[in-house]
Amino acid sequence: MIDEFAKDNLHGRLRRDRTALLWKLDGLSEYDARRPLTPTGTNLLGLVKHVATVEARYFGEVFDRPSPEPLSRWQDSDGSDLWASEDETRDQIIGFYRRTWEHSDATISELPLDAPGHVPWWPEPYSHTSLFAILVHVLGESVRHTGHADILREGLDGRTGLRPEHEQPIDEEARTAHWAKVEQAARSAASGRSRSLSRSGAAPGL
């Protein structure tokens, strides 16, 4: 009973974050969906491709249920799962993600939480694991990258939110006022710390 409750809740959260991540591509041009938005090249379509690859490996190879999707060997990972080449379409990557959901969902549904798995790219003794541990791990990956996507999308056009039905109209005046309040608090705190350090004779940053 407890195992099924735990599985259902973890699986439900994973499904929710999958949908949220895809929504972050909604309405974007090809360029904005793909372009690097951080100095390390993080981009929205690449996040979808990466999370799809993570799911395909962890709910596939780890439990000897290889994904039907073509994947390079994990030993040959070169970072190409983090961005979309000019020959890869958005529909191809989204389709890959959705098909991976089906394969992952079958693994989650058919195996008990204590089903043993083996992660060959994890060091010993951690490579021997269970479905429960993998569910938690993959959920963590999905939550982390969906959060990245949320920030990237806000930077592009100001849109935020977890689900379409909860999205609020953008109130530019309210956002500007809130930003100014947070900025002022930061400046005041920094100024106060500088004055305190000056009085104590300590060097800033210590």
C-alpha atoms as a PDB file:
ATOM      1  CA  MET A   1       0.000   0.000   0.000  1.00  0.00           C
ATOM      2  CA  ILE A   2       2.733   2.484   0.978  1.00  0.00           C
ATOM      3  CA  ASP A   3       4.876   1.489  -2.006  1.00  0.00           C
ATOM      4  CA  GLU A   4       2.015   2.088  -4.429  1.00  0.00           C
ATOM      5  CA  PHE A   5       1.247   5.427  -2.800  1.00  0.00           C
ATOM      6  CA  ALA A   6       4.890   6.478  -3.118  1.00  0.00           C
ATOM      7  CA  LYS A   7       5.119   5.286  -6.718  1.00  0.00           C
ATOM      8  CA  ASP A   8       1.913   7.030  -7.739  1.00  0.00           C
ATOM      9  CA  ASN A   9       3.005  10.317  -6.185  1.00  0.00           C
ATOM     10  CA  LEU A  10       6.498  10.273  -7.664  1.00  0.00           C
ATOM     11  CA  HIS A  11       5.184   9.227 -11.051  1.00  0.00           C
ATOM     12  CA  GLY A  12       2.488  11.890 -10.956  1.00  0.00           C
ATOM     13  CA  ARG A  13       5.047  14.601 -10.206  1.00  0.00           C
ATOM     14  CA  LEU A  14       7.254  13.355 -13.040  1.00  0.00           C
ATOM     15  CA  ARG A  15       4.327  13.539 -15.474  1.00  0.00           C
ATOM     16  CA  ARG A  16       3.526  17.063 -14.295  1.00  0.00           C
ATOM     17  CA  ASP A  17       7.062  18.310 -14.834  1.00  0.00           C
ATOM     18  CA  ARG A  18       7.318  16.671 -18.261  1.00  0.00           C
ATOM     19  CA  THR A  19       4.306  18.650 -19.398  1.00  0.00           C
ATOM     20  CA  ALA A  20       5.623  21.857 -17.837  1.00  0.00           C
ATOM     21  CA  LEU A  21       8.965  21.501 -19.603  1.00  0.00           C
ATOM     22  CA  LEU A  22       7.340  21.077 -23.014  1.00  0.00           C
ATOM     23  CA  TRP A  23       5.091  24.065 -22.369  1.00  0.00           C
ATOM     24  CA  LYS A  24       8.165  26.264 -22.116  1.00  0.00           C
ATOM     25  CA  LEU A  25       8.595  25.839 -25.892  1.00  0.00           C
ATOM     26  CA  ASP A  26       5.053  26.990 -26.626  1.00  0.00           C
ATOM     27  CA  GLY A  27       4.874  29.866 -29.095  1.00  0.00           C
ATOM     28  CA  LEU A  28       8.637  30.300 -29.528  1.00  0.00           C
ATOM     29  CA  SER A  29      10.346  30.830 -32.865  1.00  0.00           C
ATOM     30  CA  GLU A  30      12.837  28.223 -34.061  1.00  0.00           C
ATOM     31  CA  TYR A  31      15.673  30.560 -33.148  1.00  0.00           C
ATOM     32  CA  ASP A  32      14.471  31.335 -29.642  1.00  0.00           C
ATOM     33  CA  ALA A  33      13.748  27.664 -28.924  1.00  0.00           C
ATOM     34  CA  ARG A  34      17.315  26.718 -29.866  1.00  0.00           C
ATOM     35  CA  ARG A  35      19.605  29.645 -29.194  1.00  0.00           C
ATOM     36  CA  PRO A  36      22.081  29.616 -26.298  1.00  0.00           C
ATOM     37  CA  LEU A  37      20.767  31.714 -23.436  1.00  0.00           C
ATOM     38  CA  THR A  38      23.636  31.352 -20.948  1.00  0.00           C
ATOM     39  CA  PRO A  39      27.420  31.532 -21.306  1.00  0.00           C
ATOM     40  CA  THR A  40      27.526  27.710 -21.172  1.00  0.00           C
ATOM     41  CA  GLY A  41      25.060  27.378 -24.043  1.00  0.00           C
ATOM     42  CA  THR A  42      21.939  26.293 -22.142  1.00  0.00           C
ATOM     43  CA  ASN A  43      18.920  26.413 -24.446  1.00  0.00           C
ATOM     44  CA  LEU A  44      15.275  25.389 -24.206  1.00  0.00           C
ATOM     45  CA  LEU A  45      15.035  22.726 -26.920  1.00  0.00           C
ATOM     46  CA  GLY A  46      18.317  21.264 -25.693  1.00  0.00           C
ATOM     47  CA  LEU A  47      16.874  20.890 -22.202  1.00  0.00           C
ATOM     48  CA  VAL A  48      13.991  18.848 -23.627  1.00  0.00           C
ATOM     49  CA  LYS A  49      16.399  16.690 -25.622  1.00  0.00           C
ATOM     50  CA  HIS A  50      18.612  16.175 -22.581  1.00  0.00           C
ATOM     51  CA  VAL A  51      15.791  15.216 -20.212  1.00  0.00           C
ATOM     52  CA  ALA A  52      14.393  12.817 -22.812  1.00  0.00           C
ATOM     53  CA  THR A  53      17.803  11.158 -23.094  1.00  0.00           C
ATOM     54  CA  VAL A  54      18.120  10.936 -19.313  1.00  0.00           C
ATOM     55  CA  GLU A  55      14.752   9.202 -19.032  1.00  0.00           C
ATOM     56  CA  ALA A  56      15.489   6.854 -21.914  1.00  0.00           C
ATOM     57  CA  ARG A  57      18.709   5.695 -20.288  1.00  0.00           C
ATOM     58  CA  TYR A  58      17.598   5.460 -16.664  1.00  0.00           C
ATOM     59  CA  PHE A  59      14.285   3.706 -17.232  1.00  0.00           C
ATOM     60  CA  GLY A  60      15.746   1.646 -20.054  1.00  0.00           C
ATOM     61  CA  GLU A  61      19.327   0.377 -19.763  1.00  0.00           C
ATOM     62  CA  VAL A  62      19.351   0.472 -15.976  1.00  0.00           C
ATOM     63  CA  PHE A  63      16.586  -2.151 -15.787  1.00  0.00           C
ATOM     64  CA  ASP A  64      17.657  -4.151 -18.843  1.00  0.00           C
ATOM     65  CA  ARG A  65      14.732  -2.708 -20.790  1.00  0.00           C
ATOM     66  CA  PRO A  66      16.584  -0.836 -23.568  1.00  0.00           C
ATOM     67  CA  SER A  67      14.754   2.081 -25.083  1.00  0.00           C
ATOM     68  CA  PRO A  68      13.503   1.511 -28.634  1.00  0.00           C
ATOM     69  CA  GLU A  69      14.846   4.974 -29.445  1.00  0.00           C
ATOM     70  CA  PRO A  70      18.295   5.123 -31.075  1.00  0.00           C
ATOM     71  CA  LEU A  71      20.779   6.218 -28.418  1.00  0.00           C
ATOM     72  CA  SER A  72      24.541   6.472 -28.559  1.00  0.00           C
ATOM     73  CA  ARG A  73      26.461   4.404 -26.048  1.00  0.00           C
ATOM     74  CA  TRP A  74      26.686   6.160 -22.711  1.00  0.00           C
ATOM     75  CA  GLN A  75      30.463   5.780 -22.943  1.00  0.00           C
ATOM     76  CA  ASP A  76      30.388   7.953 -26.065  1.00  0.00           C
ATOM     77  CA  SER A  77      28.420  10.818 -24.529  1.00  0.00           C
ATOM     78  CA  ASP A  78      29.776  14.068 -25.976  1.00  0.00           C
ATOM     79  CA  GLY A  79      27.267  16.674 -24.847  1.00  0.00           C
ATOM     80  CA  SER A  80      25.273  16.556 -28.090  1.00  0.00           C
ATOM     81  CA  ASP A  81      22.136  15.773 -26.077  1.00  0.00           C
ATOM     82  CA  LEU A  82      22.243  19.330 -24.714  1.00  0.00           C
ATOM     83  CA  TRP A  83      21.467  21.139 -27.969  1.00  0.00           C
ATOM     84  CA  ALA A  84      19.636  20.660 -31.253  1.00  0.00           C
ATOM     85  CA  SER A  85      21.567  20.488 -34.485  1.00  0.00           C
ATOM     86  CA  GLU A  86      20.247  22.322 -37.553  1.00  0.00           C
ATOM     87  CA  ASP A  87      19.094  18.978 -38.982  1.00  0.00           C
ATOM     88  CA  GLU A  88      16.971  18.091 -35.946  1.00  0.00           C
ATOM     89  CA  THR A  89      13.458  19.473 -35.949  1.00  0.00           C
ATOM     90  CA  ARG A  90      11.526  20.563 -32.908  1.00  0.00           C
ATOM     91  CA  ASP A  91       8.865  17.967 -33.712  1.00  0.00           C
ATOM     92  CA  GLN A  92      11.485  15.201 -33.829  1.00  0.00           C
ATOM     93  CA  ILE A  93      12.825  16.079 -30.390  1.00  0.00           C
ATOM     94  CA  ILE A  94       9.368  16.491 -28.861  1.00  0.00           C
ATOM     95  CA  GLY A  95       8.316  13.209 -30.451  1.00  0.00           C
ATOM     96  CA  PHE A  96      11.375  11.505 -28.972  1.00  0.00           C
ATOM     97  CA  TYR A  97      10.471  12.862 -25.541  1.00  0.00           C
ATOM     98  CA  ARG A  98       6.851  11.732 -25.779  1.00  0.00           C
ATOM     99  CA  ARG A  99       7.787   8.233 -26.953  1.00  0.00           C
ATOM    100  CA  THR A 100      10.283   8.039 -24.125  1.00  0.00           C
ATOM    101  CA  TRP A 101       7.476   8.820 -21.690  1.00  0.00           C
ATOM    102  CA  GLU A 102       5.619   5.742 -22.900  1.00  0.00           C
ATOM    103  CA  HIS A 103       8.658   3.511 -22.435  1.00  0.00           C
ATOM    104  CA  SER A 104       9.475   5.002 -19.036  1.00  0.00           C
ATOM    105  CA  ASP A 105       5.876   4.751 -17.873  1.00  0.00           C
ATOM    106  CA  ALA A 106       5.810   1.062 -18.784  1.00  0.00           C
ATOM    107  CA  THR A 107       8.949   0.431 -16.723  1.00  0.00           C
ATOM    108  CA  ILE A 108       7.536   2.353 -13.754  1.00  0.00           C
ATOM    109  CA  SER A 109       4.159   0.623 -13.956  1.00  0.00           C
ATOM    110  CA  GLU A 110       5.421  -2.921 -14.460  1.00  0.00           C
ATOM    111  CA  LEU A 111       8.219  -3.025 -11.877  1.00  0.00           C
ATOM    112  CA  PRO A 112       7.974  -2.790  -8.074  1.00  0.00           C
ATOM    113  CA  LEU A 113       9.788   0.037  -6.321  1.00  0.00           C
ATOM    114  CA  ASP A 114      12.409  -2.367  -4.986  1.00  0.00           C
ATOM    115  CA  ALA A 115      13.165  -3.803  -8.443  1.00  0.00           C
ATOM    116  CA  PRO A 116      16.966  -3.958  -8.794  1.00  0.00           C
ATOM    117  CA  GLY A 117      18.779  -1.916 -11.400  1.00  0.00           C
ATOM    118  CA  HIS A 118      22.353  -1.266 -12.430  1.00  0.00           C
ATOM    119  CA  VAL A 119      23.727   2.120 -13.515  1.00  0.00           C
ATOM    120  CA  PRO A 120      27.029   1.389 -15.276  1.00  0.00           C
ATOM    121  CA  TRP A 121      28.003   5.065 -15.407  1.00  0.00           C
ATOM    122  CA  TRP A 122      27.752   5.437 -11.604  1.00  0.00           C
ATOM    123  CA  PRO A 123      30.781   4.516  -9.470  1.00  0.00           C
ATOM    124  CA  GLU A 124      30.721   1.514  -7.161  1.00  0.00           C
ATOM    125  CA  PRO A 125      29.039   0.772  -4.834  1.00  0.00           C
ATOM    126  CA  TYR A 126      26.330   3.190  -5.985  1.00  0.00           C
ATOM    127  CA  SER A 127      25.795   1.536  -9.364  1.00  0.00           C
ATOM    128  CA  HIS A 128      23.525  -1.094  -7.819  1.00  0.00           C
ATOM    129  CA  THR A 129      20.211   0.609  -7.236  1.00  0.00           C
ATOM    130  CA  SER A 130      16.421   0.260  -7.319  1.00  0.00           C
ATOM    131  CA  LEU A 131      13.442   1.645  -9.188  1.00  0.00           C
ATOM    132  CA  PHE A 132      12.631   3.862  -6.209  1.00  0.00           C
ATOM    133  CA  ALA A 133      16.094   5.450  -6.257  1.00  0.00           C
ATOM    134  CA  ILE A 134      15.956   5.951 -10.019  1.00  0.00           C
ATOM    135  CA  LEU A 135      12.499   7.509  -9.856  1.00  0.00           C
ATOM    136  CA  VAL A 136      13.752  10.006  -7.292  1.00  0.00           C
ATOM    137  CA  HIS A 137      16.902  10.681  -9.337  1.00  0.00           C
ATOM    138  CA  VAL A 138      15.083  11.244 -12.635  1.00  0.00           C
ATOM    139  CA  LEU A 139      12.440  13.371 -10.938  1.00  0.00           C
ATOM    140  CA  GLY A 140      15.244  15.505  -9.515  1.00  0.00           C
ATOM    141  CA  GLU A 141      16.739  15.918 -12.989  1.00  0.00           C
ATOM    142  CA  SER A 142      13.363  16.860 -14.436  1.00  0.00           C
ATOM    143  CA  VAL A 143      12.568  19.361 -11.683  1.00  0.00           C
ATOM    144  CA  ARG A 144      16.007  20.961 -11.989  1.00  0.00           C
ATOM    145  CA  HIS A 145      15.868  21.383 -15.751  1.00  0.00           C
ATOM    146  CA  THR A 146      12.243  22.504 -15.765  1.00  0.00           C
ATOM    147  CA  GLY A 147      13.342  25.234 -13.350  1.00  0.00           C
ATOM    148  CA  HIS A 148      16.117  26.174 -15.762  1.00  0.00           C
ATOM    149  CA  ALA A 149      13.567  26.337 -18.570  1.00  0.00           C
ATOM    150  CA  ASP A 150      11.280  28.551 -16.499  1.00  0.00           C
ATOM    151  CA  ILE A 151      14.031  31.116 -15.967  1.00  0.00           C
ATOM    152  CA  LEU A 152      15.164  30.986 -19.606  1.00  0.00           C
ATOM    153  CA  ARG A 153      11.635  31.519 -20.864  1.00  0.00           C
ATOM    154  CA  GLU A 154      11.101  34.447 -18.504  1.00  0.00           C
ATOM    155  CA  GLY A 155      14.255  36.003 -19.895  1.00  0.00           C
ATOM    156  CA  LEU A 156      12.979  35.652 -23.461  1.00  0.00           C
ATOM    157  CA  ASP A 157       9.494  37.110 -23.218  1.00  0.00           C
ATOM    158  CA  GLY A 158       8.543  37.395 -19.555  1.00  0.00           C
ATOM    159  CA  ARG A 159       6.233  34.365 -19.515  1.00  0.00           C
ATOM    160  CA  THR A 160       6.310  32.346 -16.301  1.00  0.00           C
ATOM    161  CA  GLY A 161       4.317  29.634 -14.577  1.00  0.00           C
ATOM    162  CA  LEU A 162       4.072  25.898 -14.046  1.00  0.00           C
ATOM    163  CA  ARG A 163       1.034  25.108 -16.160  1.00  0.00           C
ATOM    164  CA  PRO A 164      -0.884  26.943 -18.900  1.00  0.00           C
ATOM    165  CA  GLU A 165      -4.085  27.069 -16.878  1.00  0.00           C
ATOM    166  CA  HIS A 166      -2.276  28.912 -14.071  1.00  0.00           C
ATOM    167  CA  GLU A 167      -0.522  31.480 -16.251  1.00  0.00           C
ATOM    168  CA  GLN A 168      -1.283  35.075 -15.300  1.00  0.00           C
ATOM    169  CA  PRO A 169      -1.245  38.064 -17.683  1.00  0.00           C
ATOM    170  CA  ILE A 170       2.021  39.951 -17.484  1.00  0.00           C
ATOM    171  CA  ASP A 171       1.658  43.140 -15.434  1.00  0.00           C
ATOM    172  CA  GLU A 172       4.723  45.118 -16.473  1.00  0.00           C
ATOM    173  CA  GLU A 173       4.109  47.924 -13.992  1.00  0.00           C
ATOM    174  CA  ALA A 174       3.826  45.530 -11.046  1.00  0.00           C
ATOM    175  CA  ARG A 175       6.900  43.605 -12.163  1.00  0.00           C
ATOM    176  CA  THR A 176       8.941  46.775 -12.518  1.00  0.00           C
ATOM    177  CA  ALA A 177       7.914  47.930  -9.055  1.00  0.00           C
ATOM    178  CA  HIS A 178       8.726  44.550  -7.513  1.00  0.00           C
ATOM    179  CA  TRP A 179      12.107  44.434  -9.263  1.00  0.00           C
ATOM    180  CA  ALA A 180      12.931  47.896  -7.963  1.00  0.00           C
ATOM    181  CA  LYS A 181      11.991  46.904  -4.408  1.00  0.00           C
ATOM    182  CA  VAL A 182      14.212  43.811  -4.501  1.00  0.00           C
ATOM    183  CA  GLU A 183      17.058  45.789  -6.083  1.00  0.00           C
ATOM    184  CA  GLN A 184      16.816  48.503  -3.422  1.00  0.00           C
ATOM    185  CA  ALA A 185      16.874  45.910  -0.634  1.00  0.00           C
ATOM    186  CA  ALA A 186      19.987  44.320  -2.160  1.00  0.00           C
ATOM    187  CA  ARG A 187      21.755  47.667  -2.512  1.00  0.00           C
ATOM    188  CA  SER A 188      20.855  48.687   1.028  1.00  0.00           C
ATOM    189  CA  ALA A 189      22.101  45.386   2.444  1.00  0.00           C
ATOM    190  CA  ALA A 190      25.360  45.666   0.495  1.00  0.00           C
ATOM    191  CA  SER A 191      25.830  49.267   1.571  1.00  0.00           C
ATOM    192  CA  GLY A 192      25.156  48.410   5.201  1.00  0.00           C
ATOM    193  CA  ARG A 193      27.646  45.533   5.099  1.00  0.00           C
ATOM    194  CA  SER A 194      30.280  47.771   3.546  1.00  0.00           C
ATOM    195  CA  ARG A 195      29.810  50.375   6.300  1.00  0.00           C
ATOM    196  CA  SER A 196      29.993  47.673   8.960  1.00  0.00           C
ATOM    197  CA  LEU A 197      33.204  46.229   7.517  1.00  0.00           C
ATOM    198  CA  SER A 198      34.674  49.706   7.217  1.00  0.00           C
ATOM    199  CA  ARG A 199      34.070  50.375  10.894  1.00  0.00           C
ATOM    200  CA  SER A 200      35.520  47.020  11.908  1.00  0.00           C
ATOM    201  CA  GLY A 201      38.534  47.342   9.628  1.00  0.00           C
ATOM    202  CA  ALA A 202      37.826  44.006   7.919  1.00  0.00           C
ATOM    203  CA  ALA A 203      38.385  43.643   4.182  1.00  0.00           C
ATOM    204  CA  PRO A 204      35.208  43.364   2.033  1.00  0.00           C
ATOM    205  CA  GLY A 205      34.399  39.791   1.048  1.00  0.00           C
ATOM    206  CA  LEU A 206      35.864  38.230   4.194  1.00  0.00           C
END
